[in-house]
Protein backbone atom coordinates (compact mmCIF):
# COMPACT_ATOMS: atom_id res chain seq x y z
CA MET A 1 0.00 0.00 0.00
CA ARG A 2 1.70 3.16 -1.19
CA ALA A 3 0.79 6.79 -1.68
CA GLY A 4 0.85 7.78 -5.46
CA ARG A 5 4.97 6.14 -4.87
CA CYS A 6 27.70 12.24 7.42
CA VAL A 7 33.72 12.41 10.54
CA VAL A 8 36.46 12.10 12.56
CA VAL A 9 36.38 10.50 16.01
CA VAL A 10 38.09 13.03 18.30
CA ILE A 11 36.61 12.71 21.79
CA LEU A 12 34.48 9.60 22.24
CA SER A 13 32.57 11.01 25.17
CA CYS A 14 31.15 13.74 22.93
CA LEU A 15 29.74 11.33 20.37
CA PRO A 16 26.08 10.36 20.25
CA GLY A 17 25.70 6.62 20.64
CA LEU A 18 28.44 6.35 23.28
CA ALA A 19 26.61 3.52 25.01
CA VAL A 20 26.86 1.31 21.97
CA ALA A 21 30.51 2.34 21.41
CA GLU A 22 31.45 1.17 24.90
CA ALA A 23 29.62 -2.10 24.37
CA GLY A 24 30.86 -2.92 20.86
CA GLY A 25 34.35 -1.39 20.77
CA ASP A 26 35.87 -0.63 17.39
CA ALA A 27 32.86 -2.00 15.50
CA ALA A 28 30.47 0.42 17.19
CA ILE A 29 32.84 3.35 16.60
CA TRP A 30 32.88 2.42 12.93
CA LEU A 31 29.11 2.22 12.91
CA GLN A 32 28.87 5.75 14.31
CA ARG A 33 31.29 7.02 11.65
CA ILE A 34 29.12 5.47 8.95
CA ALA A 35 25.96 6.95 10.44
CA SER A 36 27.46 10.46 10.62
CA ALA A 37 29.26 10.49 7.26
CA ALA A 38 26.11 10.26 5.17
CA HIS A 39 24.90 13.54 6.68
CA ASN A 40 28.11 15.57 7.12
CA LEU A 41 30.02 14.95 3.88
CA ASP A 42 29.76 16.29 0.36
CA TYR A 43 29.49 13.44 -2.13
CA SER A 44 27.93 12.34 -5.41
CA GLY A 45 27.63 9.13 -7.35
CA THR A 46 25.48 6.36 -8.79
CA PHE A 47 24.10 3.48 -6.75
CA VAL A 48 22.00 0.37 -7.32
CA TYR A 49 19.22 -1.09 -5.19
CA GLN A 50 18.83 -4.86 -5.71
CA ARG A 51 16.05 -7.05 -4.32
CA GLY A 52 15.78 -10.47 -5.90
CA ALA A 53 15.46 -10.02 -9.65
CA HIS A 54 14.51 -6.35 -9.24
CA MET A 55 17.22 -3.72 -9.70
CA GLU A 56 16.92 0.07 -9.67
CA THR A 57 19.66 2.59 -10.43
CA SER A 58 19.77 6.11 -8.97
CA SER A 59 22.09 9.10 -8.99
CA ILE A 60 22.67 11.15 -5.84
CA THR A 61 24.29 14.49 -5.03
CA HIS A 62 24.64 15.56 -1.40
CA MET A 63 26.01 18.77 0.07
CA MET A 64 26.38 20.09 3.63
CA ASP A 65 26.72 23.83 4.23
CA GLU A 66 25.95 26.45 6.88
CA SER A 67 22.22 26.07 6.28
CA GLY A 68 22.21 22.28 6.61
CA GLU A 69 21.80 19.30 4.28
CA HIS A 70 20.85 19.53 0.62
CA GLU A 71 20.36 16.49 -1.58
CA LYS A 72 19.10 15.50 -5.01
CA LEU A 73 18.25 11.91 -5.88
CA GLU A 74 17.12 10.89 -9.34
CA VAL A 75 15.84 7.42 -10.20
CA LEU A 76 17.36 6.45 -13.56
CA ASP A 77 15.24 3.38 -14.38
CA GLY A 78 11.56 3.23 -15.29
CA PRO A 79 9.23 6.21 -14.92
CA PRO A 80 11.14 9.43 -14.10
CA ARG A 81 11.22 10.28 -10.41
CA GLU A 82 13.27 12.95 -8.65
CA ILE A 83 13.58 13.72 -4.94
CA ILE A 84 14.93 17.04 -3.66
CA ARG A 85 15.70 17.33 0.06
CA ASN A 86 16.58 20.41 2.06
CA ASN A 87 17.08 19.30 5.66
CA ASP A 88 13.75 17.69 6.64
CA GLU A 89 11.69 19.03 3.73
CA VAL A 90 11.36 16.50 0.93
CA ILE A 91 9.92 17.28 -2.52
CA CYS A 92 9.19 14.33 -4.80
CA PHE A 93 8.61 15.05 -8.50
CA THR A 94 6.79 12.48 -10.65
CA PRO A 95 6.61 14.22 -14.06
CA GLU A 96 4.63 11.51 -15.88
CA SER A 97 1.69 12.00 -13.51
CA LYS A 98 2.42 15.73 -13.21
CA GLY A 99 2.59 15.19 -9.45
CA VAL A 100 4.55 16.82 -6.66
CA MET A 101 4.56 15.59 -3.08
CA VAL A 102 5.93 17.88 -0.37
CA GLU A 103 6.38 16.35 3.06
CA ARG A 104 8.45 16.37 6.21
CA ARG A 105 10.96 13.55 6.57
CA ARG A 106 9.83 11.43 9.49
CA SER A 107 10.43 7.70 9.44
CA GLN A 108 11.92 7.39 5.96
CA LYS A 109 15.59 6.57 5.51
CA SER A 110 17.39 6.54 2.20
CA PHE A 111 20.77 5.23 1.07
CA PRO A 112 23.45 6.03 2.12
CA ALA A 113 21.76 7.56 5.21
CA LEU A 114 20.26 4.25 6.39
CA LEU A 115 21.50 4.41 9.98
CA PRO A 116 20.03 6.64 12.70
CA LEU A 117 22.36 9.30 14.10
CA GLN A 118 21.50 8.17 17.62
CA LEU A 119 22.71 4.57 17.94
CA SER A 120 22.11 4.04 21.66
CA GLY A 121 19.42 1.37 21.10
CA ILE A 122 21.14 -0.65 18.37
CA GLY A 123 23.16 -2.77 20.82
CA GLU A 124 19.95 -3.88 22.57
CA ASN A 125 18.69 -5.60 19.45
CA TYR A 126 21.86 -6.44 17.50
CA VAL A 127 25.38 -7.76 18.23
CA VAL A 128 27.78 -5.31 16.51
CA LYS A 129 30.95 -6.82 15.02
CA LEU A 130 33.71 -5.77 12.62
CA GLY A 131 33.68 -7.65 9.33
CA LEU A 132 36.08 -7.87 6.42
CA VAL A 133 37.52 -5.07 4.31
CA GLU A 134 36.36 -5.12 0.71
CA ARG A 135 36.49 -2.92 -2.36
CA VAL A 136 33.39 -1.15 -3.62
CA ALA A 137 33.23 1.37 -6.48
CA GLY A 138 37.03 1.71 -6.46
CA HIS A 139 37.22 2.41 -2.71
CA ASP A 140 38.38 0.21 0.18
CA CYS A 141 35.68 -0.06 2.80
CA GLN A 142 35.29 -1.62 6.26
CA ASN A 143 32.32 -3.89 6.92
CA VAL A 144 30.37 -3.70 10.18
CA VAL A 145 28.02 -6.62 10.83
CA LEU A 146 24.83 -6.41 12.89
CA GLU A 147 23.70 -9.84 14.04
CA PRO A 148 20.11 -9.96 15.37
CA ARG A 149 19.64 -11.00 18.99
CA ASP A 150 16.29 -12.67 18.24
CA VAL A 151 14.13 -14.00 15.40
CA TYR A 152 12.24 -10.74 14.88
CA ARG A 153 14.76 -8.92 12.68
CA TYR A 154 17.16 -9.60 9.85
CA GLY A 155 20.94 -9.23 9.99
CA HIS A 156 22.70 -6.31 8.31
CA ARG A 157 26.14 -5.54 6.89
CA PHE A 158 27.31 -1.94 6.39
CA CYS A 159 30.52 -1.14 4.49
CA GLY A 160 32.01 2.33 5.17
CA GLU A 161 34.76 3.88 3.04
CA ASN A 162 38.08 3.59 4.91
CA GLY A 163 38.92 7.28 4.97
CA SER A 164 35.61 9.05 5.35
CA GLY A 165 33.24 6.42 6.68
CA LEU A 166 30.69 7.03 3.89
CA LEU A 167 28.44 4.02 3.45
CA LEU A 168 29.25 2.42 0.08
CA LYS A 169 27.34 -0.84 0.43
CA ALA A 170 24.53 -2.07 2.65
CA SER A 171 23.22 -5.64 2.68
CA THR A 172 20.29 -7.27 4.48
CA LEU A 173 20.83 -10.89 5.52
CA ASN A 174 18.25 -13.57 6.30
CA GLU A 175 18.55 -16.24 9.00
CA LYS A 176 20.83 -18.27 6.70
CA LYS A 177 23.06 -15.17 6.30
CA GLU A 178 22.08 -14.96 2.64
CA VAL A 179 21.85 -11.50 1.06
CA ILE A 180 18.20 -10.76 0.37
CA ASN A 181 18.63 -7.15 -0.73
CA GLN A 182 21.40 -4.60 -1.01
CA PHE A 183 22.39 -1.06 -1.95
CA PHE A 184 25.81 -0.41 -3.45
CA PHE A 185 27.59 2.44 -5.19
CA THR A 186 28.92 1.73 -8.68
CA HIS A 187 30.60 5.16 -8.74
CA ALA A 188 31.22 7.43 -5.74
CA ARG A 189 32.99 10.79 -5.50
CA ILE A 190 33.64 11.79 -1.89
CA GLY A 191 34.54 15.39 -1.05
CA GLY A 192 35.41 18.06 -3.55
CA THR A 193 33.18 20.92 -4.59
CA ILE A 194 29.49 20.45 -5.24
CA ASP A 195 27.98 22.97 -7.65
CA ARG A 196 24.60 24.16 -6.42
CA GLU A 197 23.31 23.76 -9.99
CA GLN A 198 23.66 19.99 -9.48
CA LEU A 199 21.05 20.19 -6.72
CA LYS A 200 18.36 21.92 -8.73
CA PRO A 201 15.38 19.83 -9.90
CA ARG A 202 15.33 18.78 -13.52
CA TYR A 203 11.57 19.13 -13.58
CA ALA A 204 9.96 22.51 -12.98
CA MET A 205 7.06 22.81 -10.58
CA HIS A 206 4.37 24.03 -12.94
CA GLN A 207 1.06 25.45 -11.80
CA HIS A 208 -0.76 22.23 -12.63
CA MET A 209 1.70 20.22 -10.50
CA LYS A 210 0.06 20.80 -7.14
CA PRO A 211 1.72 19.67 -3.92
CA GLN A 212 -0.28 17.00 -2.13
CA ASP A 213 -1.55 17.57 1.36
CA ILE A 214 0.72 16.28 4.12
CA PRO A 215 -1.20 13.82 6.33
CA ALA A 216 -1.46 15.13 9.88
CA MET A 217 -0.24 13.12 12.86
CA VAL A 218 -3.12 11.52 14.75
CA ASP A 219 -3.83 9.17 17.64
CA SER A 220 -6.66 6.93 16.48
CA GLY A 221 -6.77 4.68 19.51
CA TRP A 222 -5.36 1.67 17.69
CA GLN A 223 -2.51 0.00 19.56
CA VAL A 224 -0.12 -2.94 19.43
CA LYS A 225 -0.30 -4.70 22.80
CA SER A 226 2.73 -6.98 22.43
CA PRO A 227 5.19 -5.72 19.83
CA PRO A 228 8.48 -7.61 19.47
CA ALA A 229 11.20 -6.33 21.80
CA GLY A 230 12.69 -3.03 20.67
CA PHE A 231 9.85 -2.00 18.34
CA LYS A 232 8.14 1.27 19.32
CA LYS A 233 5.58 3.48 17.60
CA ILE A 234 7.22 6.44 15.87
CA MET A 235 4.39 7.76 13.70
CA GLU A 236 0.67 7.58 13.05
CA GLN A 237 -1.34 9.23 10.28
CA LYS A 238 -4.70 8.93 8.59
CA ARG A 239 -4.11 8.45 4.87
CA THR A 240 -6.14 8.06 1.69
CA PHE A 241 -4.77 5.80 -1.02
CA PRO A 242 -5.52 5.80 -4.77
CA GLY A 243 -8.46 3.53 -5.60
CA LYS A 244 -9.70 3.48 -2.00
CA LYS A 245 -13.00 5.10 -1.04
CA VAL A 246 -12.21 5.35 2.66
CA SER A 247 -9.10 6.44 4.53
CA ALA A 248 -6.88 4.13 6.54
CA ASN A 249 -4.96 4.60 9.77
CA HIS A 250 -1.22 4.17 9.16
CA LEU A 251 1.00 3.36 12.14
CA VAL A 252 4.77 2.91 11.92
CA PHE A 253 6.79 0.91 14.47
CA SER A 254 10.61 0.84 14.43
CA ASP A 255 13.56 -0.68 16.30
CA GLU A 256 15.61 2.39 15.18
CA LEU A 257 17.03 0.48 12.21
CA VAL A 258 14.03 -0.95 10.36
CA ALA A 259 10.41 0.13 10.19
CA VAL A 260 7.15 -1.83 10.03
CA SER A 261 3.93 -0.31 8.69
CA ILE A 262 0.47 -1.14 10.02
CA PHE A 263 -2.62 -0.21 8.00
CA VAL A 264 -6.08 -0.35 9.56
CA GLU A 265 -9.02 0.13 7.19
CA PRO A 266 -12.79 -0.55 7.46
CA LEU A 267 -14.06 -3.82 6.05
CA ALA A 268 -17.10 -1.97 4.72
CA GLY A 269 -16.89 -1.80 0.95
CA MET A 270 -14.51 -4.74 0.67
CA GLN A 271 -15.73 -7.88 -1.01
CA LYS A 272 -14.40 -10.03 1.82
CA SER A 273 -11.87 -9.97 4.60
CA VAL A 274 -8.41 -11.44 4.03
CA THR A 275 -6.30 -13.49 6.39
CA GLY A 276 -2.84 -14.78 5.65
CA LEU A 277 0.86 -14.29 5.09
CA SER A 278 2.52 -13.32 1.81
CA SER A 279 5.99 -12.23 0.75
CA GLN A 280 7.34 -9.78 -1.78
CA GLY A 281 11.05 -10.54 -1.83
CA SER A 282 12.46 -9.51 1.55
CA ILE A 283 9.18 -7.84 2.54
CA ASN A 284 6.67 -9.89 4.51
CA VAL A 285 2.97 -9.00 4.68
CA TYR A 286 0.38 -10.36 7.11
CA THR A 287 -3.32 -9.50 6.98
CA ARG A 288 -6.17 -10.32 9.36
CA PRO A 289 -9.61 -8.94 10.29
CA VAL A 290 -10.02 -7.23 13.67
CA ALA A 291 -13.67 -6.55 14.52
CA GLU A 292 -15.02 -4.53 11.58
CA PHE A 293 -11.59 -3.60 10.27
CA GLN A 294 -8.84 -5.20 8.23
CA VAL A 295 -5.30 -4.98 9.58
CA THR A 296 -2.33 -5.25 7.22
CA VAL A 297 1.23 -5.33 8.57
CA LEU A 298 4.23 -5.16 6.26
CA GLY A 299 7.94 -4.58 6.54
CA GLU A 300 11.41 -5.76 5.62
CA VAL A 301 11.44 -8.08 8.61
CA PRO A 302 10.93 -11.84 9.16
CA ALA A 303 7.44 -13.31 8.93
CA ALA A 304 7.36 -13.86 12.72
CA THR A 305 7.57 -10.08 13.24
CA VAL A 306 4.63 -9.05 11.05
CA MET A 307 2.53 -11.90 12.42
CA GLN A 308 3.19 -11.01 16.08
CA ILE A 309 2.42 -7.35 15.46
CA ALA A 310 -0.76 -8.09 13.50
CA ASN A 311 -2.01 -10.51 16.13
CA SER A 312 -1.43 -7.86 18.83
CA VAL A 313 -3.36 -5.03 17.14
CA SER A 314 -6.48 -3.89 18.99
CA PHE A 315 -8.61 -0.79 19.49
CA ALA A 316 -8.13 0.86 22.89
CA GLY A 317 -10.38 3.84 22.20
CA LYS A 318 -9.56 7.53 22.34
């Protein structure tokens, strides 16, 4: 269910995520470098997202100045799509549909900024270890491995460029330690001068390209009684999706690294309720009726996670 569709370690005690650094040693320090580099460095390049047989190529330009972060991402495969970000404001251009979506960045993370800046909770859910050094896009990079402490999350491997810490490759691993999806740069330029012209949108915002309304944060009364350890609610909105006559409540739960979406929509108007588990590559989806509503839980997490969350959804009232 979709809508329309930054580093040098100087004094460790001053770094966010100190708790995980003390627990994991060098590996956790590397993880913090990777998390910070994606936000604090100037860089540009081309990267690929691969999930099963699906591959998508994008170009990215990122600059940090006195006013904050500025970024342009352009998807190079399929229908044109361009995302311009200035700090937390994100503008998504979809020229084929003459659409523009303006929103505030909340739960979304995008490569190479996949890690949260605050890493204090990571060690509670993952064992952080140093991996091997490998070569990606012409750069040597250090792998940091996150092994899950339970069955409710996948493993992860993050490879940061040796000098800067910029994330060059990120892989998600299943319980057999097989790669089920990954991001990786095919070309990366780190540092140097970024011309502001490179950050301007290719597609102009014409009068007929109207920004969509930003869904307001709500508290609908829906709750998850027994989420897997580490997963907490970070967002809730009421959203309307294309082809749907009624709006749905959208809740997002996260363990700081991955996010799970919960959609609650009325059964009225549906032909019949649906119950069951399905998979779309590394994404698992579980659906079940709750009273007069249908609950759908999806995320890039194991099947046990979406099933436990879905089976714990109930209405507590406002």
